[in-house]
N, C-alpha and C. Protein backbone atom coordinates (compact mmCIF):
# COMPACT_ATOMS: atom_id res chain seq x y z
N MET A 1 6.48 -5.47 -23.10
CA MET A 1 7.30 -4.80 -24.10
C MET A 1 6.43 -4.07 -25.12
N LYS A 2 5.25 -4.61 -25.36
CA LYS A 2 4.35 -3.97 -26.32
C LYS A 2 3.97 -2.57 -25.86
N GLU A 3 3.84 -2.40 -24.54
CA GLU A 3 3.48 -1.09 -24.00
C GLU A 3 4.55 -0.05 -24.33
N LEU A 4 5.80 -0.48 -24.35
CA LEU A 4 6.88 0.45 -24.67
C LEU A 4 6.75 0.95 -26.10
N LYS A 5 6.41 0.04 -27.01
CA LYS A 5 6.23 0.46 -28.41
C LYS A 5 5.06 1.43 -28.52
N GLU A 6 4.00 1.18 -27.74
CA GLU A 6 2.84 2.06 -27.78
C GLU A 6 3.17 3.46 -27.28
N LEU A 7 4.17 3.57 -26.40
CA LEU A 7 4.62 4.88 -25.92
C LEU A 7 5.58 5.54 -26.89
N GLY A 8 5.91 4.85 -27.97
CA GLY A 8 6.77 5.44 -28.99
C GLY A 8 8.24 5.06 -28.89
N PHE A 9 8.56 4.08 -28.05
CA PHE A 9 9.95 3.65 -27.91
C PHE A 9 10.28 2.62 -28.98
N GLU A 10 11.41 2.80 -29.64
CA GLU A 10 11.94 1.78 -30.56
C GLU A 10 12.97 0.94 -29.81
N TYR A 11 13.71 1.57 -28.91
CA TYR A 11 14.74 0.91 -28.12
C TYR A 11 14.43 1.14 -26.64
N MET A 12 14.94 0.25 -25.79
CA MET A 12 14.81 0.48 -24.36
C MET A 12 15.59 1.74 -24.02
N SER A 13 15.09 2.50 -23.07
CA SER A 13 15.71 3.77 -22.71
C SER A 13 16.19 3.73 -21.28
N THR A 14 16.86 4.80 -20.88
CA THR A 14 17.21 4.94 -19.47
C THR A 14 15.93 5.17 -18.69
N LEU A 15 16.00 4.97 -17.40
CA LEU A 15 14.82 5.17 -16.56
C LEU A 15 14.36 6.62 -16.63
N ASN A 16 15.29 7.55 -16.65
CA ASN A 16 14.95 8.97 -16.71
C ASN A 16 14.18 9.30 -18.00
N GLU A 17 14.67 8.80 -19.13
CA GLU A 17 13.97 9.04 -20.41
C GLU A 17 12.57 8.43 -20.39
N PHE A 18 12.47 7.25 -19.79
CA PHE A 18 11.17 6.59 -19.70
C PHE A 18 10.19 7.41 -18.87
N VAL A 19 10.64 7.90 -17.71
CA VAL A 19 9.77 8.69 -16.83
C VAL A 19 9.30 9.95 -17.56
N CYS A 20 10.19 10.61 -18.27
CA CYS A 20 9.81 11.82 -19.01
C CYS A 20 8.77 11.50 -20.09
N ARG A 21 8.96 10.41 -20.80
CA ARG A 21 8.01 10.04 -21.87
C ARG A 21 6.65 9.68 -21.28
N VAL A 22 6.65 8.95 -20.18
CA VAL A 22 5.38 8.59 -19.53
C VAL A 22 4.69 9.86 -19.05
N ASP A 23 5.44 10.75 -18.44
CA ASP A 23 4.88 11.98 -17.92
C ASP A 23 4.25 12.81 -19.04
N ASN A 24 4.95 12.95 -20.14
CA ASN A 24 4.42 13.74 -21.26
C ASN A 24 3.25 13.05 -21.94
N GLY A 25 3.31 11.73 -22.08
CA GLY A 25 2.28 11.01 -22.81
C GLY A 25 0.99 10.84 -22.06
N LEU A 26 1.06 10.55 -20.79
CA LEU A 26 -0.16 10.24 -20.04
C LEU A 26 -0.84 11.48 -19.47
N SER A 27 -0.07 12.48 -19.13
CA SER A 27 -0.67 13.64 -18.45
C SER A 27 -1.69 14.35 -19.33
N LEU A 28 -1.52 14.25 -20.63
CA LEU A 28 -2.46 14.90 -21.54
C LEU A 28 -3.76 14.13 -21.72
N LYS A 29 -3.72 12.83 -21.39
CA LYS A 29 -4.85 11.97 -21.71
C LYS A 29 -5.71 11.56 -20.53
N ARG A 30 -5.24 11.74 -19.32
CA ARG A 30 -5.93 11.18 -18.17
C ARG A 30 -6.24 12.24 -17.11
N SER A 31 -7.23 11.91 -16.26
CA SER A 31 -7.47 12.75 -15.09
C SER A 31 -6.32 12.52 -14.11
N ASN A 32 -6.18 13.40 -13.14
CA ASN A 32 -5.03 13.34 -12.23
C ASN A 32 -4.87 12.02 -11.50
N HIS A 33 -5.93 11.51 -10.87
CA HIS A 33 -5.76 10.29 -10.08
C HIS A 33 -5.50 9.07 -10.96
N VAL A 34 -6.14 8.98 -12.11
CA VAL A 34 -5.89 7.86 -13.03
C VAL A 34 -4.48 7.97 -13.59
N TYR A 35 -4.08 9.17 -13.96
CA TYR A 35 -2.73 9.41 -14.48
C TYR A 35 -1.66 8.99 -13.48
N LEU A 36 -1.82 9.41 -12.22
CA LEU A 36 -0.83 9.08 -11.20
C LEU A 36 -0.71 7.58 -11.00
N ALA A 37 -1.84 6.90 -10.93
CA ALA A 37 -1.81 5.45 -10.71
C ALA A 37 -1.18 4.73 -11.91
N GLU A 38 -1.58 5.11 -13.12
CA GLU A 38 -1.03 4.46 -14.31
C GLU A 38 0.46 4.74 -14.47
N SER A 39 0.85 5.98 -14.27
CA SER A 39 2.26 6.31 -14.46
C SER A 39 3.12 5.65 -13.39
N PHE A 40 2.65 5.57 -12.16
CA PHE A 40 3.39 4.88 -11.11
C PHE A 40 3.61 3.41 -11.49
N CYS A 41 2.54 2.75 -11.93
CA CYS A 41 2.64 1.33 -12.30
C CYS A 41 3.59 1.13 -13.48
N MET A 42 3.52 2.01 -14.47
CA MET A 42 4.38 1.87 -15.64
C MET A 42 5.85 2.07 -15.26
N VAL A 43 6.14 3.06 -14.44
CA VAL A 43 7.52 3.31 -14.02
C VAL A 43 8.03 2.15 -13.17
N ARG A 44 7.20 1.67 -12.24
CA ARG A 44 7.60 0.53 -11.41
C ARG A 44 7.90 -0.69 -12.26
N ASP A 45 7.02 -1.00 -13.23
CA ASP A 45 7.23 -2.16 -14.10
C ASP A 45 8.47 -2.01 -14.96
N TYR A 46 8.70 -0.79 -15.46
CA TYR A 46 9.89 -0.57 -16.29
C TYR A 46 11.16 -0.70 -15.45
N LYS A 47 11.14 -0.17 -14.24
CA LYS A 47 12.29 -0.29 -13.35
C LYS A 47 12.58 -1.76 -13.07
N ASN A 48 11.54 -2.55 -12.84
CA ASN A 48 11.73 -3.99 -12.62
C ASN A 48 12.33 -4.66 -13.85
N LEU A 49 11.92 -4.22 -15.03
CA LEU A 49 12.45 -4.79 -16.28
C LEU A 49 13.92 -4.48 -16.46
N ILE A 50 14.30 -3.22 -16.29
CA ILE A 50 15.70 -2.87 -16.55
C ILE A 50 16.63 -3.30 -15.41
N ASP A 51 16.07 -3.69 -14.28
CA ASP A 51 16.88 -4.22 -13.19
C ASP A 51 17.17 -5.71 -13.35
N GLN A 52 16.58 -6.35 -14.36
CA GLN A 52 16.82 -7.77 -14.58
C GLN A 52 18.21 -7.99 -15.17
N GLN A 53 18.76 -9.15 -14.89
CA GLN A 53 20.03 -9.54 -15.49
C GLN A 53 19.78 -10.02 -16.91
N PRO A 54 20.58 -9.54 -17.86
CA PRO A 54 20.41 -10.02 -19.24
C PRO A 54 20.59 -11.54 -19.32
N LYS A 55 19.71 -12.17 -20.10
CA LYS A 55 19.79 -13.61 -20.33
C LYS A 55 19.93 -13.85 -21.83
N LEU A 56 20.63 -14.88 -22.20
CA LEU A 56 20.84 -15.20 -23.60
C LEU A 56 19.51 -15.37 -24.33
N GLY A 57 18.53 -15.96 -23.66
CA GLY A 57 17.22 -16.19 -24.26
C GLY A 57 16.44 -14.92 -24.54
N ASP A 58 16.89 -13.78 -24.03
CA ASP A 58 16.25 -12.50 -24.35
C ASP A 58 16.66 -12.01 -25.74
N PHE A 59 17.74 -12.58 -26.28
CA PHE A 59 18.31 -12.12 -27.54
C PHE A 59 18.13 -13.11 -28.69
N ILE A 60 18.28 -14.39 -28.37
CA ILE A 60 18.14 -15.43 -29.39
C ILE A 60 17.31 -16.57 -28.80
N PRO A 61 16.65 -17.38 -29.64
CA PRO A 61 15.85 -18.48 -29.11
C PRO A 61 16.71 -19.49 -28.34
N CYS A 62 16.29 -19.79 -27.11
CA CYS A 62 17.01 -20.74 -26.26
C CYS A 62 16.01 -21.61 -25.51
N ILE A 63 16.44 -22.80 -25.18
CA ILE A 63 15.70 -23.67 -24.27
C ILE A 63 16.64 -23.97 -23.13
N ASP A 64 16.24 -23.60 -21.92
CA ASP A 64 17.07 -23.76 -20.73
C ASP A 64 18.46 -23.15 -20.91
N GLY A 65 18.52 -21.98 -21.55
CA GLY A 65 19.77 -21.27 -21.72
C GLY A 65 20.66 -21.78 -22.85
N VAL A 66 20.18 -22.77 -23.59
CA VAL A 66 20.95 -23.33 -24.71
C VAL A 66 20.32 -22.87 -26.02
N PRO A 67 21.12 -22.27 -26.90
CA PRO A 67 20.57 -21.79 -28.18
C PRO A 67 19.93 -22.92 -28.99
N VAL A 68 18.80 -22.60 -29.60
CA VAL A 68 18.15 -23.55 -30.51
C VAL A 68 18.08 -22.89 -31.88
N TYR A 69 18.14 -23.70 -32.87
CA TYR A 69 18.16 -23.21 -34.24
C TYR A 69 16.87 -23.57 -34.94
N LYS A 70 16.52 -22.78 -35.91
CA LYS A 70 15.32 -23.03 -36.70
C LYS A 70 15.50 -24.37 -37.42
N PRO A 71 14.56 -25.30 -37.22
CA PRO A 71 14.71 -26.62 -37.85
C PRO A 71 14.71 -26.52 -39.37
N LYS A 72 15.48 -27.39 -39.96
CA LYS A 72 15.54 -27.47 -41.42
C LYS A 72 14.62 -28.58 -41.88
N LEU A 73 14.08 -28.42 -43.07
CA LEU A 73 13.23 -29.47 -43.62
C LEU A 73 14.00 -30.77 -43.72
N GLY A 74 13.31 -31.86 -43.52
CA GLY A 74 13.93 -33.17 -43.62
C GLY A 74 14.44 -33.69 -42.29
N MET A 75 14.42 -32.86 -41.25
CA MET A 75 14.86 -33.33 -39.94
C MET A 75 13.77 -34.21 -39.34
N SER A 76 14.20 -35.25 -38.65
CA SER A 76 13.21 -36.12 -38.01
C SER A 76 12.56 -35.36 -36.86
N ARG A 77 11.35 -35.73 -36.56
CA ARG A 77 10.56 -35.07 -35.51
C ARG A 77 10.44 -33.57 -35.74
N ILE A 78 10.25 -33.19 -36.99
CA ILE A 78 10.25 -31.77 -37.35
C ILE A 78 9.16 -30.99 -36.63
N LYS A 79 7.98 -31.55 -36.45
CA LYS A 79 6.88 -30.84 -35.80
C LYS A 79 7.25 -30.46 -34.38
N ASP A 80 7.79 -31.39 -33.61
CA ASP A 80 8.19 -31.09 -32.23
C ASP A 80 9.28 -30.03 -32.19
N MET A 81 10.21 -30.11 -33.11
CA MET A 81 11.31 -29.16 -33.14
C MET A 81 10.81 -27.76 -33.50
N ILE A 82 9.87 -27.69 -34.44
CA ILE A 82 9.30 -26.39 -34.82
C ILE A 82 8.55 -25.79 -33.64
N ASP A 83 7.78 -26.62 -32.94
CA ASP A 83 7.04 -26.14 -31.77
C ASP A 83 7.99 -25.62 -30.69
N GLN A 84 9.06 -26.36 -30.42
CA GLN A 84 10.03 -25.92 -29.42
C GLN A 84 10.70 -24.61 -29.85
N TYR A 85 11.05 -24.54 -31.13
CA TYR A 85 11.70 -23.33 -31.63
C TYR A 85 10.75 -22.14 -31.52
N GLN A 86 9.48 -22.32 -31.87
CA GLN A 86 8.50 -21.23 -31.79
C GLN A 86 8.32 -20.75 -30.35
N GLN A 87 8.27 -21.70 -29.41
CA GLN A 87 8.14 -21.32 -28.00
C GLN A 87 9.35 -20.53 -27.54
N ALA A 88 10.54 -20.97 -27.95
CA ALA A 88 11.76 -20.25 -27.59
C ALA A 88 11.79 -18.88 -28.24
N LEU A 89 11.34 -18.79 -29.48
CA LEU A 89 11.33 -17.52 -30.21
C LEU A 89 10.38 -16.51 -29.56
N GLU A 90 9.27 -17.00 -29.02
CA GLU A 90 8.31 -16.12 -28.35
C GLU A 90 8.89 -15.50 -27.08
N GLN A 91 9.89 -16.13 -26.48
CA GLN A 91 10.50 -15.63 -25.26
C GLN A 91 11.55 -14.55 -25.53
N VAL A 92 11.97 -14.42 -26.78
CA VAL A 92 12.98 -13.42 -27.14
C VAL A 92 12.37 -12.03 -26.98
N LYS A 93 13.07 -11.14 -26.27
CA LYS A 93 12.54 -9.80 -26.00
C LYS A 93 12.99 -8.75 -27.01
N PHE A 94 14.16 -8.97 -27.61
CA PHE A 94 14.76 -7.95 -28.46
C PHE A 94 15.01 -8.49 -29.85
N GLU A 95 14.80 -7.63 -30.84
CA GLU A 95 15.03 -8.07 -32.21
C GLU A 95 16.38 -7.58 -32.71
N GLY A 96 16.87 -8.26 -33.74
CA GLY A 96 18.10 -7.82 -34.38
C GLY A 96 19.37 -8.44 -33.82
N TRP A 97 19.27 -9.42 -32.95
CA TRP A 97 20.45 -10.07 -32.38
C TRP A 97 20.61 -11.45 -32.98
N GLU A 98 21.85 -11.86 -33.16
CA GLU A 98 22.13 -13.20 -33.69
C GLU A 98 23.35 -13.78 -32.99
N LEU A 99 23.38 -15.10 -32.94
CA LEU A 99 24.53 -15.80 -32.39
C LEU A 99 25.65 -15.76 -33.42
N ILE A 100 26.83 -15.29 -33.03
CA ILE A 100 27.92 -15.24 -33.99
C ILE A 100 29.07 -16.16 -33.61
N GLU A 101 29.12 -16.58 -32.34
CA GLU A 101 30.21 -17.45 -31.93
C GLU A 101 29.81 -18.27 -30.71
N LYS A 102 30.13 -19.54 -30.77
CA LYS A 102 29.98 -20.42 -29.60
C LYS A 102 31.21 -21.31 -29.62
N ASP A 103 31.99 -21.25 -28.54
CA ASP A 103 33.23 -22.02 -28.54
C ASP A 103 33.16 -23.19 -27.57
N SER A 104 34.21 -23.94 -27.50
CA SER A 104 34.24 -25.14 -26.67
C SER A 104 34.22 -24.82 -25.18
N LEU A 105 34.49 -23.59 -24.82
CA LEU A 105 34.44 -23.19 -23.41
C LEU A 105 33.05 -22.68 -23.02
N ASP A 106 32.09 -22.88 -23.89
CA ASP A 106 30.72 -22.42 -23.68
C ASP A 106 30.60 -20.91 -23.61
N LYS A 107 31.50 -20.23 -24.28
CA LYS A 107 31.40 -18.78 -24.41
C LYS A 107 30.53 -18.52 -25.63
N ILE A 108 29.51 -17.73 -25.46
CA ILE A 108 28.59 -17.44 -26.55
C ILE A 108 28.58 -15.93 -26.77
N ILE A 109 28.74 -15.52 -28.01
CA ILE A 109 28.71 -14.10 -28.34
C ILE A 109 27.54 -13.84 -29.27
N VAL A 110 26.73 -12.83 -28.93
CA VAL A 110 25.64 -12.40 -29.79
C VAL A 110 25.96 -11.00 -30.28
N LYS A 111 25.51 -10.71 -31.49
CA LYS A 111 25.77 -9.40 -32.10
C LYS A 111 24.46 -8.83 -32.60
N SER A 112 24.31 -7.52 -32.45
CA SER A 112 23.10 -6.85 -32.90
C SER A 112 23.31 -6.26 -34.29
N THR A 113 22.22 -5.84 -34.89
CA THR A 113 22.32 -5.15 -36.16
C THR A 113 23.01 -3.80 -35.99
N GLU A 114 23.13 -3.34 -34.75
CA GLU A 114 23.84 -2.10 -34.42
C GLU A 114 25.34 -2.36 -34.26
N HIS A 115 25.78 -3.59 -34.55
CA HIS A 115 27.17 -4.02 -34.44
C HIS A 115 27.69 -3.97 -33.00
N GLN A 116 26.80 -4.21 -32.07
CA GLN A 116 27.19 -4.30 -30.67
C GLN A 116 27.24 -5.77 -30.29
N LYS A 117 28.15 -6.12 -29.41
CA LYS A 117 28.31 -7.52 -29.02
C LYS A 117 28.19 -7.67 -27.52
N ILE A 118 27.56 -8.77 -27.12
CA ILE A 118 27.49 -9.14 -25.72
C ILE A 118 27.94 -10.59 -25.63
N MET A 119 28.79 -10.87 -24.66
CA MET A 119 29.26 -12.23 -24.46
C MET A 119 28.60 -12.81 -23.22
N PHE A 120 28.17 -14.06 -23.33
CA PHE A 120 27.62 -14.79 -22.19
C PHE A 120 28.59 -15.92 -21.87
N ASN A 121 28.94 -16.06 -20.59
CA ASN A 121 29.83 -17.15 -20.22
C ASN A 121 29.01 -18.38 -19.85
N SER A 122 29.69 -19.45 -19.45
CA SER A 122 29.00 -20.71 -19.16
C SER A 122 28.05 -20.60 -17.98
N SER A 123 28.22 -19.59 -17.13
CA SER A 123 27.32 -19.37 -16.00
C SER A 123 26.11 -18.52 -16.38
N GLY A 124 26.08 -18.06 -17.63
CA GLY A 124 24.96 -17.24 -18.08
C GLY A 124 25.13 -15.76 -17.79
N LEU A 125 26.31 -15.35 -17.31
CA LEU A 125 26.54 -13.94 -17.02
C LEU A 125 26.87 -13.19 -18.30
N ALA A 126 26.39 -11.96 -18.41
CA ALA A 126 26.58 -11.16 -19.61
C ALA A 126 27.71 -10.16 -19.40
N PHE A 127 28.51 -9.98 -20.45
CA PHE A 127 29.64 -9.06 -20.41
C PHE A 127 29.68 -8.24 -21.68
N LYS A 128 30.18 -7.02 -21.54
CA LYS A 128 30.49 -6.23 -22.72
C LYS A 128 31.60 -6.97 -23.46
N CYS A 129 31.45 -7.10 -24.74
CA CYS A 129 32.42 -7.87 -25.51
C CYS A 129 33.25 -6.92 -26.37
N TRP A 130 34.54 -7.01 -26.21
CA TRP A 130 35.46 -6.25 -27.04
C TRP A 130 36.33 -7.27 -27.74
N PHE A 131 36.11 -7.42 -29.04
CA PHE A 131 36.69 -8.51 -29.81
C PHE A 131 36.23 -9.81 -29.16
N THR A 132 37.10 -10.61 -28.61
CA THR A 132 36.65 -11.86 -27.98
C THR A 132 36.96 -11.90 -26.49
N THR A 133 37.27 -10.75 -25.91
CA THR A 133 37.54 -10.73 -24.47
C THR A 133 36.39 -10.05 -23.75
N GLN A 134 36.18 -10.45 -22.53
CA GLN A 134 35.10 -9.83 -21.75
C GLN A 134 35.61 -8.59 -21.05
N ARG A 135 34.75 -7.65 -20.89
CA ARG A 135 35.10 -6.41 -20.19
C ARG A 135 34.18 -6.26 -18.99
N ASN A 136 33.33 -5.27 -19.02
CA ASN A 136 32.42 -4.99 -17.91
C ASN A 136 31.31 -6.02 -17.86
N ARG A 137 31.03 -6.49 -16.66
CA ARG A 137 29.89 -7.40 -16.50
C ARG A 137 28.63 -6.57 -16.41
N TYR A 138 27.61 -6.98 -17.15
CA TYR A 138 26.31 -6.33 -17.07
C TYR A 138 25.45 -7.09 -16.07
N LYS A 139 25.27 -6.53 -14.89
CA LYS A 139 24.43 -7.17 -13.90
C LYS A 139 22.96 -6.88 -14.17
N THR A 140 22.69 -5.77 -14.87
CA THR A 140 21.31 -5.40 -15.20
C THR A 140 21.27 -4.82 -16.61
N TYR A 141 20.07 -4.78 -17.16
CA TYR A 141 19.90 -4.11 -18.45
C TYR A 141 20.23 -2.63 -18.34
N GLU A 142 19.93 -2.04 -17.20
CA GLU A 142 20.19 -0.61 -17.02
C GLU A 142 21.68 -0.29 -17.19
N GLN A 143 22.55 -1.15 -16.65
CA GLN A 143 23.99 -0.94 -16.83
C GLN A 143 24.36 -0.97 -18.31
N ALA A 144 23.80 -1.92 -19.03
CA ALA A 144 24.11 -2.03 -20.46
C ALA A 144 23.57 -0.82 -21.23
N ILE A 145 22.36 -0.38 -20.90
CA ILE A 145 21.77 0.79 -21.56
C ILE A 145 22.64 2.02 -21.31
N ASN A 146 23.05 2.19 -20.06
CA ASN A 146 23.90 3.33 -19.72
C ASN A 146 25.27 3.25 -20.38
N ASP A 147 25.68 2.04 -20.78
CA ASP A 147 26.95 1.84 -21.47
C ASP A 147 26.79 2.00 -22.98
N GLY A 148 25.57 2.30 -23.42
CA GLY A 148 25.34 2.57 -24.83
C GLY A 148 24.81 1.41 -25.65
N VAL A 149 24.52 0.26 -25.01
CA VAL A 149 23.98 -0.87 -25.75
C VAL A 149 22.53 -0.56 -26.10
N LYS A 150 22.16 -0.81 -27.36
CA LYS A 150 20.80 -0.55 -27.81
C LYS A 150 20.03 -1.87 -27.89
N PHE A 151 18.90 -1.90 -27.20
CA PHE A 151 18.03 -3.06 -27.20
C PHE A 151 16.78 -2.71 -27.97
N LYS A 152 16.69 -3.16 -29.21
CA LYS A 152 15.52 -2.86 -30.04
C LYS A 152 14.35 -3.71 -29.58
N ILE A 153 13.27 -3.05 -29.24
CA ILE A 153 12.11 -3.72 -28.67
C ILE A 153 11.39 -4.52 -29.75
N LYS A 154 11.08 -5.76 -29.41
CA LYS A 154 10.40 -6.66 -30.34
C LYS A 154 8.94 -6.34 -30.43
């Protein structure tokens, strides 16, 4: 993800936008054979990234798909809890998302600072959230990006 920021991306983009940015950015700096190899690897890696299924842990700190909260002072075993929280936080890929609802049916809704919502069901599948009902299932990040969801790169 750090490489995306280095290319000037604030948010994940469509594959087409990514290819154009890589083409413009690298072609000026590299010889032809190095440029081709680097750009191929970057496009392949980005395609693999956006083809992944969204996971709750990409948005908020989770351990085994279960949200974890920042430990409060005075909690027993605070050191272990802080370590677990830090490890979960390091796995988060996108910034600006927070858990806003978790109900008894294990439906979890996260909201971004862009006021976009994604709902995760008990199976871990991600859906476009309209109020509290699910709409389109996001099988990949690319589907969500094409639907207008903004993923701010951490």
